[in-house]
C-alpha atoms as a PDB file:
ATOM      1  CA  MET A   1      -3.463   4.967  13.740  1.00  0.00           C
ATOM      2  CA  ASP A   2      -6.470   6.789  12.705  1.00  0.00           C
ATOM      3  CA  SER A   3      -8.734   5.172   9.528  1.00  0.00           C
ATOM      4  CA  ILE A   4     -12.393   5.939   8.067  1.00  0.00           C
ATOM      5  CA  TYR A   5     -12.445   2.304   7.710  1.00  0.00           C
ATOM      6  CA  PHE A   6     -11.955   1.687  11.597  1.00  0.00           C
ATOM      7  CA  ASN A   7     -14.587   3.600  12.568  1.00  0.00           C
ATOM      8  CA  PHE A   8     -16.940   2.125   9.621  1.00  0.00           C
ATOM      9  CA  LEU A   9     -16.306  -1.595  10.587  1.00  0.00           C
ATOM     10  CA  GLY A  10     -15.933  -0.380  14.581  1.00  0.00           C
ATOM     11  CA  MET A  11     -12.935  -2.445  14.230  1.00  0.00           C
ATOM     12  CA  LYS A  12      -9.387  -1.424  17.125  1.00  0.00           C
ATOM     13  CA  ASN A  13      -6.454  -2.470  14.470  1.00  0.00           C
ATOM     14  CA  LEU A  14      -5.414  -3.243  11.472  1.00  0.00           C
ATOM     15  CA  GLU A  15      -5.723  -6.924  11.709  1.00  0.00           C
ATOM     16  CA  ASP A  16      -8.887  -6.746  12.574  1.00  0.00           C
ATOM     17  CA  VAL A  17      -9.896  -4.949   8.637  1.00  0.00           C
ATOM     18  CA  ILE A  18      -7.680  -7.336   6.509  1.00  0.00           C
ATOM     19  CA  GLU A  19      -9.678 -10.149   9.032  1.00  0.00           C
ATOM     20  CA  LYS A  20     -13.129  -8.755   7.952  1.00  0.00           C
ATOM     21  CA  PHE A  21     -11.446  -7.983   4.275  1.00  0.00           C
ATOM     22  CA  HIS A  22     -10.658 -11.734   3.907  1.00  0.00           C
ATOM     23  CA  ASN A  23     -14.158 -13.443   5.211  1.00  0.00           C
ATOM     24  CA  THR A  24     -16.441 -10.748   3.073  1.00  0.00           C
ATOM     25  CA  LEU A  25     -14.380 -11.254  -0.032  1.00  0.00           C
ATOM     26  CA  VAL A  26     -17.080 -13.560  -2.816  1.00  0.00           C
ATOM     27  CA  ASP A  27     -16.252 -15.878  -4.820  1.00  0.00           C
ATOM     28  CA  THR A  28     -16.614 -15.574  -8.835  1.00  0.00           C
ATOM     29  CA  ASN A  29     -14.573 -17.736 -11.544  1.00  0.00           C
ATOM     30  CA  ARG A  30     -14.332 -14.199 -13.580  1.00  0.00           C
ATOM     31  CA  SER A  31     -11.275 -13.767 -14.750  1.00  0.00           C
ATOM     32  CA  TYR A  32      -8.884  -9.839 -14.608  1.00  0.00           C
ATOM     33  CA  LYS A  33     -10.004 -10.466 -18.519  1.00  0.00           C
ATOM     34  CA  PHE A  34     -13.388  -9.538 -17.496  1.00  0.00           C
ATOM     35  CA  PHE A  35     -12.450  -6.914 -15.453  1.00  0.00           C
ATOM     36  CA  VAL A  36     -10.080  -5.362 -17.613  1.00  0.00           C
ATOM     37  CA  ASP A  37     -10.058  -3.759 -21.411  1.00  0.00           C
ATOM     38  CA  TRP A  38      -7.352  -5.010 -22.568  1.00  0.00           C
ATOM     39  CA  ASP A  39      -7.385  -4.032 -26.167  1.00  0.00           C
ATOM     40  CA  LYS A  40      -8.428  -0.793 -24.938  1.00  0.00           C
ATOM     41  CA  VAL A  41      -5.449  -0.418 -21.969  1.00  0.00           C
ATOM     42  CA  LYS A  42      -3.061  -1.153 -25.238  1.00  0.00           C
ATOM     43  CA  ARG A  43      -4.419   1.624 -27.099  1.00  0.00           C
ATOM     44  CA  HIS A  44      -3.494   3.630 -24.898  1.00  0.00           C
ATOM     45  CA  VAL A  45       0.012   2.711 -23.778  1.00  0.00           C
ATOM     46  CA  ASP A  46       0.110   2.436 -27.940  1.00  0.00           C
ATOM     47  CA  LYS A  47      -0.815   6.184 -28.055  1.00  0.00           C
ATOM     48  CA  TYR A  48       1.186   7.772 -25.042  1.00  0.00           C
ATOM     49  CA  LYS A  49       4.497   5.531 -25.136  1.00  0.00           C
ATOM     50  CA  ILE A  50       8.257   7.213 -24.823  1.00  0.00           C
ATOM     51  CA  ILE A  51       9.905   5.127 -27.136  1.00  0.00           C
ATOM     52  CA  MET A  52      13.540   5.682 -24.712  1.00  0.00           C
ATOM     53  CA  ILE A  53      16.295   6.015 -26.679  1.00  0.00           C
ATOM     54  CA  PRO A  54      19.583   5.282 -24.518  1.00  0.00           C
ATOM     55  CA  GLU A  55      22.520   7.930 -24.425  1.00  0.00           C
ATOM     56  CA  ASN A  56      26.476   6.270 -25.065  1.00  0.00           C
END
């Protein structure tokens, strides 16, 4: 399996890539509310929601 991650990181297999990823994660006190504008998500969901009507 050839992957840009293997070449870029100089790794030979997927397990090494995953281990590198885990070892380089940075601890943070941020939650998903920090990274996602949930009000915007809700507006878009409401705007583009398709109402499903069950067929009987």
